[in-house]
Full PDB file with SEQRES, HELIX, SHEET, SSBOND, CRYST1, ORIGX, SCALE, CONECT and MASTER records, all heavy atoms in Angstrom:
SEQRES   1 A   31  GLY VAL SER VAL GLY VAL VAL ASP VAL PRO ALA LEU ASP          
SEQRES   2 A   31  VAL ILE ARG ASP ALA VAL ALA ALA ALA VAL ALA GLY SER          
SEQRES   3 A   31  GLY LEU PRO ALA ALA                                          
HELIX    1 AA1 ASP A   13  SER A   26  1                                  14    
CRYST1    1.000    1.000    1.000  90.00  90.00  90.00 P 1           1          
ORIGX1      1.000000  0.000000  0.000000        0.00000                         
ORIGX2      0.000000  1.000000  0.000000        0.00000                         
ORIGX3      0.000000  0.000000  1.000000        0.00000                         
SCALE1      1.000000  0.000000  0.000000        0.00000                         
SCALE2      0.000000  1.000000  0.000000        0.00000                         
SCALE3      0.000000  0.000000  1.000000        0.00000                         
ATOM      1  N   GLY A   1      64.366 -70.078 -29.989  1.00  0.00           N  
ATOM      2  CA  GLY A   1      63.478 -69.227 -30.769  1.00  0.00           C  
ATOM      3  C   GLY A   1      63.175 -67.882 -30.148  1.00  0.00           C  
ATOM      4  O   GLY A   1      62.416 -67.097 -30.725  1.00  0.00           O  
ATOM      5  N   VAL A   2      63.756 -67.602 -28.978  1.00  0.00           N  
ATOM      6  CA  VAL A   2      63.511 -66.311 -28.325  1.00  0.00           C  
ATOM      7  C   VAL A   2      64.194 -65.196 -29.103  1.00  0.00           C  
ATOM      8  O   VAL A   2      65.326 -65.339 -29.572  1.00  0.00           O  
ATOM      9  CB  VAL A   2      64.018 -66.358 -26.871  1.00  0.00           C  
ATOM     10  CG1 VAL A   2      64.189 -64.957 -26.300  1.00  0.00           C  
ATOM     11  CG2 VAL A   2      63.072 -67.166 -26.004  1.00  0.00           C  
ATOM     12  N   SER A   3      63.502 -64.063 -29.232  1.00  0.00           N  
ATOM     13  CA  SER A   3      64.059 -62.884 -29.901  1.00  0.00           C  
ATOM     14  C   SER A   3      63.873 -61.669 -29.010  1.00  0.00           C  
ATOM     15  O   SER A   3      63.038 -61.657 -28.101  1.00  0.00           O  
ATOM     16  CB  SER A   3      63.372 -62.659 -31.243  1.00  0.00           C  
ATOM     17  OG  SER A   3      61.967 -62.471 -31.050  1.00  0.00           O  
ATOM     18  N   VAL A   4      64.659 -60.634 -29.287  1.00  0.00           N  
ATOM     19  CA  VAL A   4      64.698 -59.438 -28.432  1.00  0.00           C  
ATOM     20  C   VAL A   4      64.381 -58.200 -29.267  1.00  0.00           C  
ATOM     21  O   VAL A   4      65.022 -57.963 -30.299  1.00  0.00           O  
ATOM     22  CB  VAL A   4      66.084 -59.271 -27.775  1.00  0.00           C  
ATOM     23  CG1 VAL A   4      66.100 -58.046 -26.863  1.00  0.00           C  
ATOM     24  CG2 VAL A   4      66.479 -60.528 -27.009  1.00  0.00           C  
ATOM     25  N   GLY A   5      63.415 -57.416 -28.797  1.00  0.00           N  
ATOM     26  CA  GLY A   5      63.167 -56.107 -29.375  1.00  0.00           C  
ATOM     27  C   GLY A   5      63.874 -55.059 -28.541  1.00  0.00           C  
ATOM     28  O   GLY A   5      63.603 -54.927 -27.345  1.00  0.00           O  
ATOM     29  N   VAL A   6      64.796 -54.337 -29.128  1.00  0.00           N  
ATOM     30  CA  VAL A   6      65.582 -53.329 -28.400  1.00  0.00           C  
ATOM     31  C   VAL A   6      64.862 -51.986 -28.522  1.00  0.00           C  
ATOM     32  O   VAL A   6      64.761 -51.424 -29.617  1.00  0.00           O  
ATOM     33  CB  VAL A   6      67.012 -53.239 -28.942  1.00  0.00           C  
ATOM     34  CG1 VAL A   6      67.812 -52.207 -28.152  1.00  0.00           C  
ATOM     35  CG2 VAL A   6      67.691 -54.608 -28.886  1.00  0.00           C  
ATOM     36  N   VAL A   7      64.346 -51.505 -27.399  1.00  0.00           N  
ATOM     37  CA  VAL A   7      63.511 -50.307 -27.404  1.00  0.00           C  
ATOM     38  C   VAL A   7      64.393 -49.073 -27.526  1.00  0.00           C  
ATOM     39  O   VAL A   7      65.358 -48.899 -26.776  1.00  0.00           O  
ATOM     40  CB  VAL A   7      62.651 -50.234 -26.134  1.00  0.00           C  
ATOM     41  CG1 VAL A   7      61.709 -49.025 -26.206  1.00  0.00           C  
ATOM     42  CG2 VAL A   7      61.849 -51.520 -25.952  1.00  0.00           C  
ATOM     43  N   ASP A   8      64.045 -48.215 -28.456  1.00  0.00           N  
ATOM     44  CA  ASP A   8      64.788 -46.972 -28.695  1.00  0.00           C  
ATOM     45  C   ASP A   8      64.330 -45.924 -27.687  1.00  0.00           C  
ATOM     46  O   ASP A   8      63.212 -45.399 -27.777  1.00  0.00           O  
ATOM     47  CB  ASP A   8      64.535 -46.501 -30.123  1.00  0.00           C  
ATOM     48  CG  ASP A   8      65.304 -45.231 -30.468  1.00  0.00           C  
ATOM     49  OD1 ASP A   8      66.241 -44.878 -29.717  1.00  0.00           O  
ATOM     50  OD2 ASP A   8      64.971 -44.586 -31.481  1.00  0.00           O  
ATOM     51  N   VAL A   9      65.183 -45.641 -26.693  1.00  0.00           N  
ATOM     52  CA  VAL A   9      64.880 -44.639 -25.672  1.00  0.00           C  
ATOM     53  C   VAL A   9      66.119 -43.779 -25.448  1.00  0.00           C  
ATOM     54  O   VAL A   9      67.250 -44.235 -25.659  1.00  0.00           O  
ATOM     55  CB  VAL A   9      64.452 -45.286 -24.335  1.00  0.00           C  
ATOM     56  CG1 VAL A   9      63.084 -45.949 -24.455  1.00  0.00           C  
ATOM     57  CG2 VAL A   9      65.489 -46.266 -23.827  1.00  0.00           C  
ATOM     58  N   PRO A  10      65.945 -42.535 -25.014  1.00  0.00           N  
ATOM     59  CA  PRO A  10      67.113 -41.696 -24.726  1.00  0.00           C  
ATOM     60  C   PRO A  10      67.822 -42.167 -23.463  1.00  0.00           C  
ATOM     61  O   PRO A  10      67.181 -42.507 -22.467  1.00  0.00           O  
ATOM     62  CB  PRO A  10      66.508 -40.298 -24.536  1.00  0.00           C  
ATOM     63  CG  PRO A  10      65.085 -40.543 -24.149  1.00  0.00           C  
ATOM     64  CD  PRO A  10      64.674 -41.809 -24.832  1.00  0.00           C  
ATOM     65  N   ALA A  11      69.156 -42.219 -23.514  1.00  0.00           N  
ATOM     66  CA  ALA A  11      69.967 -42.596 -22.360  1.00  0.00           C  
ATOM     67  C   ALA A  11      71.404 -42.164 -22.648  1.00  0.00           C  
ATOM     68  O   ALA A  11      71.770 -41.895 -23.807  1.00  0.00           O  
ATOM     69  CB  ALA A  11      69.913 -44.100 -22.111  1.00  0.00           C  
ATOM     70  N   LEU A  12      72.210 -42.096 -21.594  1.00  0.00           N  
ATOM     71  CA  LEU A  12      73.627 -41.809 -21.782  1.00  0.00           C  
ATOM     72  C   LEU A  12      74.240 -42.825 -22.741  1.00  0.00           C  
ATOM     73  O   LEU A  12      73.886 -44.004 -22.722  1.00  0.00           O  
ATOM     74  CB  LEU A  12      74.370 -41.890 -20.447  1.00  0.00           C  
ATOM     75  CG  LEU A  12      74.101 -40.827 -19.383  1.00  0.00           C  
ATOM     76  CD1 LEU A  12      74.955 -41.096 -18.159  1.00  0.00           C  
ATOM     77  CD2 LEU A  12      74.380 -39.439 -19.932  1.00  0.00           C  
ATOM     78  N   ASP A  13      75.182 -42.361 -23.545  1.00  0.00           N  
ATOM     79  CA  ASP A  13      75.809 -43.250 -24.513  1.00  0.00           C  
ATOM     80  C   ASP A  13      76.436 -44.468 -23.849  1.00  0.00           C  
ATOM     81  O   ASP A  13      76.343 -45.591 -24.364  1.00  0.00           O  
ATOM     82  CB  ASP A  13      76.874 -42.493 -25.313  1.00  0.00           C  
ATOM     83  CG  ASP A  13      76.277 -41.538 -26.343  1.00  0.00           C  
ATOM     84  OD1 ASP A  13      75.059 -41.656 -26.625  1.00  0.00           O  
ATOM     85  OD2 ASP A  13      77.020 -40.674 -26.847  1.00  0.00           O  
ATOM     86  N   VAL A  14      77.074 -44.269 -22.695  1.00  0.00           N  
ATOM     87  CA  VAL A  14      77.739 -45.385 -22.027  1.00  0.00           C  
ATOM     88  C   VAL A  14      76.714 -46.431 -21.578  1.00  0.00           C  
ATOM     89  O   VAL A  14      77.001 -47.636 -21.578  1.00  0.00           O  
ATOM     90  CB  VAL A  14      78.588 -44.876 -20.840  1.00  0.00           C  
ATOM     91  CG1 VAL A  14      77.721 -44.308 -19.721  1.00  0.00           C  
ATOM     92  CG2 VAL A  14      79.495 -45.972 -20.303  1.00  0.00           C  
ATOM     93  N   ILE A  15      75.510 -45.994 -21.235  1.00  0.00           N  
ATOM     94  CA  ILE A  15      74.450 -46.919 -20.839  1.00  0.00           C  
ATOM     95  C   ILE A  15      73.889 -47.630 -22.068  1.00  0.00           C  
ATOM     96  O   ILE A  15      73.694 -48.849 -22.047  1.00  0.00           O  
ATOM     97  CB  ILE A  15      73.348 -46.169 -20.063  1.00  0.00           C  
ATOM     98  CG1 ILE A  15      73.902 -45.657 -18.736  1.00  0.00           C  
ATOM     99  CG2 ILE A  15      72.130 -47.059 -19.843  1.00  0.00           C  
ATOM    100  CD1 ILE A  15      72.930 -44.801 -17.940  1.00  0.00           C  
ATOM    101  N   ARG A  16      73.634 -46.887 -23.125  1.00  0.00           N  
ATOM    102  CA  ARG A  16      73.134 -47.498 -24.355  1.00  0.00           C  
ATOM    103  C   ARG A  16      74.128 -48.540 -24.869  1.00  0.00           C  
ATOM    104  O   ARG A  16      73.741 -49.619 -25.317  1.00  0.00           O  
ATOM    105  CB  ARG A  16      72.880 -46.429 -25.414  1.00  0.00           C  
ATOM    106  CG  ARG A  16      71.703 -45.525 -25.098  1.00  0.00           C  
ATOM    107  CD  ARG A  16      71.674 -44.311 -26.034  1.00  0.00           C  
ATOM    108  NE  ARG A  16      71.482 -44.691 -27.415  1.00  0.00           N  
ATOM    109  CZ  ARG A  16      70.307 -44.713 -28.039  1.00  0.00           C  
ATOM    110  NH1 ARG A  16      69.195 -44.394 -27.383  1.00  0.00           N  
ATOM    111  NH2 ARG A  16      70.218 -45.046 -29.305  1.00  0.00           N  
ATOM    112  N   ASP A  17      75.433 -48.213 -24.789  1.00  0.00           N  
ATOM    113  CA  ASP A  17      76.459 -49.141 -25.254  1.00  0.00           C  
ATOM    114  C   ASP A  17      76.472 -50.414 -24.401  1.00  0.00           C  
ATOM    115  O   ASP A  17      76.645 -51.523 -24.926  1.00  0.00           O  
ATOM    116  CB  ASP A  17      77.836 -48.478 -25.211  1.00  0.00           C  
ATOM    117  CG  ASP A  17      77.997 -47.379 -26.257  1.00  0.00           C  
ATOM    118  OD1 ASP A  17      77.150 -47.296 -27.172  1.00  0.00           O  
ATOM    119  OD2 ASP A  17      78.961 -46.598 -26.145  1.00  0.00           O  
ATOM    120  N   ALA A  18      76.293 -50.254 -23.091  1.00  0.00           N  
ATOM    121  CA  ALA A  18      76.298 -51.413 -22.200  1.00  0.00           C  
ATOM    122  C   ALA A  18      75.102 -52.322 -22.472  1.00  0.00           C  
ATOM    123  O   ALA A  18      75.226 -53.558 -22.467  1.00  0.00           O  
ATOM    124  CB  ALA A  18      76.300 -50.949 -20.746  1.00  0.00           C  
ATOM    125  N   VAL A  19      73.951 -51.721 -22.703  1.00  0.00           N  
ATOM    126  CA  VAL A  19      72.749 -52.504 -23.020  1.00  0.00           C  
ATOM    127  C   VAL A  19      72.937 -53.230 -24.356  1.00  0.00           C  
ATOM    128  O   VAL A  19      72.631 -54.428 -24.482  1.00  0.00           O  
ATOM    129  CB  VAL A  19      71.510 -51.595 -23.037  1.00  0.00           C  
ATOM    130  CG1 VAL A  19      70.319 -52.299 -23.688  1.00  0.00           C  
ATOM    131  CG2 VAL A  19      71.166 -51.150 -21.624  1.00  0.00           C  
ATOM    132  N   ALA A  20      73.456 -52.510 -25.342  1.00  0.00           N  
ATOM    133  CA  ALA A  20      73.689 -53.136 -26.654  1.00  0.00           C  
ATOM    134  C   ALA A  20      74.665 -54.298 -26.539  1.00  0.00           C  
ATOM    135  O   ALA A  20      74.475 -55.356 -27.168  1.00  0.00           O  
ATOM    136  CB  ALA A  20      74.203 -52.094 -27.635  1.00  0.00           C  
ATOM    137  N   ALA A  21      75.711 -54.138 -25.721  1.00  0.00           N  
ATOM    138  CA  ALA A  21      76.702 -55.198 -25.545  1.00  0.00           C  
ATOM    139  C   ALA A  21      76.077 -56.415 -24.857  1.00  0.00           C  
ATOM    140  O   ALA A  21      76.379 -57.562 -25.213  1.00  0.00           O  
ATOM    141  CB  ALA A  21      77.889 -54.684 -24.739  1.00  0.00           C  
ATOM    142  N   ALA A  22      75.195 -56.181 -23.884  1.00  0.00           N  
ATOM    143  CA  ALA A  22      74.547 -57.287 -23.183  1.00  0.00           C  
ATOM    144  C   ALA A  22      73.626 -58.060 -24.121  1.00  0.00           C  
ATOM    145  O   ALA A  22      73.591 -59.298 -24.099  1.00  0.00           O  
ATOM    146  CB  ALA A  22      73.768 -56.763 -21.985  1.00  0.00           C  
ATOM    147  N   VAL A  23      72.882 -57.339 -24.946  1.00  0.00           N  
ATOM    148  CA  VAL A  23      71.983 -58.004 -25.898  1.00  0.00           C  
ATOM    149  C   VAL A  23      72.799 -58.778 -26.927  1.00  0.00           C  
ATOM    150  O   VAL A  23      72.496 -59.946 -27.234  1.00  0.00           O  
ATOM    151  CB  VAL A  23      71.058 -56.977 -26.569  1.00  0.00           C  
ATOM    152  CG1 VAL A  23      70.257 -57.628 -27.688  1.00  0.00           C  
ATOM    153  CG2 VAL A  23      70.116 -56.348 -25.549  1.00  0.00           C  
ATOM    154  N   ALA A  24      73.849 -58.154 -27.437  1.00  0.00           N  
ATOM    155  CA  ALA A  24      74.690 -58.850 -28.419  1.00  0.00           C  
ATOM    156  C   ALA A  24      75.343 -60.083 -27.797  1.00  0.00           C  
ATOM    157  O   ALA A  24      75.411 -61.153 -28.423  1.00  0.00           O  
ATOM    158  CB  ALA A  24      75.745 -57.891 -28.961  1.00  0.00           C  
ATOM    159  N   GLY A  25      75.806 -59.945 -26.574  1.00  0.00           N  
ATOM    160  CA  GLY A  25      76.470 -61.048 -25.898  1.00  0.00           C  
ATOM    161  C   GLY A  25      75.548 -62.215 -25.599  1.00  0.00           C  
ATOM    162  O   GLY A  25      76.007 -63.348 -25.409  1.00  0.00           O  
ATOM    163  N   SER A  26      74.250 -61.952 -25.563  1.00  0.00           N  
ATOM    164  CA  SER A  26      73.292 -63.028 -25.291  1.00  0.00           C  
ATOM    165  C   SER A  26      73.199 -64.023 -26.438  1.00  0.00           C  
ATOM    166  O   SER A  26      72.747 -65.157 -26.256  1.00  0.00           O  
ATOM    167  CB  SER A  26      71.902 -62.445 -25.024  1.00  0.00           C  
ATOM    168  OG  SER A  26      71.289 -61.987 -26.230  1.00  0.00           O  
ATOM    169  N   GLY A  27      73.599 -63.577 -27.631  1.00  0.00           N  
ATOM    170  CA  GLY A  27      73.488 -64.427 -28.809  1.00  0.00           C  
ATOM    171  C   GLY A  27      72.076 -64.567 -29.352  1.00  0.00           C  
ATOM    172  O   GLY A  27      71.842 -65.326 -30.300  1.00  0.00           O  
ATOM    173  N   LEU A  28      71.121 -63.838 -28.778  1.00  0.00           N  
ATOM    174  CA  LEU A  28      69.727 -63.922 -29.218  1.00  0.00           C  
ATOM    175  C   LEU A  28      69.494 -62.935 -30.360  1.00  0.00           C  
ATOM    176  O   LEU A  28      70.026 -61.817 -30.338  1.00  0.00           O  
ATOM    177  CB  LEU A  28      68.786 -63.604 -28.054  1.00  0.00           C  
ATOM    178  CG  LEU A  28      68.898 -64.511 -26.832  1.00  0.00           C  
ATOM    179  CD1 LEU A  28      68.046 -63.985 -25.685  1.00  0.00           C  
ATOM    180  CD2 LEU A  28      68.497 -65.937 -27.186  1.00  0.00           C  
ATOM    181  N   PRO A  29      68.699 -63.295 -31.355  1.00  0.00           N  
ATOM    182  CA  PRO A  29      68.417 -62.355 -32.440  1.00  0.00           C  
ATOM    183  C   PRO A  29      67.687 -61.126 -31.918  1.00  0.00           C  
ATOM    184  O   PRO A  29      66.805 -61.240 -31.060  1.00  0.00           O  
ATOM    185  CB  PRO A  29      67.541 -63.165 -33.404  1.00  0.00           C  
ATOM    186  CG  PRO A  29      66.992 -64.287 -32.594  1.00  0.00           C  
ATOM    187  CD  PRO A  29      68.007 -64.585 -31.532  1.00  0.00           C  
ATOM    188  N   ALA A  30      68.062 -59.959 -32.424  1.00  0.00           N  
ATOM    189  CA  ALA A  30      67.509 -58.705 -31.910  1.00  0.00           C  
ATOM    190  C   ALA A  30      67.273 -57.730 -33.040  1.00  0.00           C  
ATOM    191  O   ALA A  30      67.951 -57.761 -34.075  1.00  0.00           O  
ATOM    192  CB  ALA A  30      68.465 -58.091 -30.878  1.00  0.00           C  
ATOM    193  N   ALA A  31      66.303 -56.851 -32.835  1.00  0.00           N  
ATOM    194  CA  ALA A  31      65.993 -55.799 -33.792  1.00  0.00           C  
ATOM    195  C   ALA A  31      65.399 -54.620 -33.021  1.00  0.00           C  
ATOM    196  O   ALA A  31      64.861 -54.795 -31.921  1.00  0.00           O  
ATOM    197  CB  ALA A  31      65.010 -56.297 -34.856  1.00  0.00           C  
TER     198      ALA A  31                                                      
MASTER        0    0    0    1    0    0    0    6  197    1    0    3          
END                                                                             
């Protein structure tokens, strides 16, 4: 039942992509 809120903050695209990939890879629902 754990869910993830992905905070919208400025960062390099490569960093934002890496964070997004880690959250997606976790399999946890996110918004």
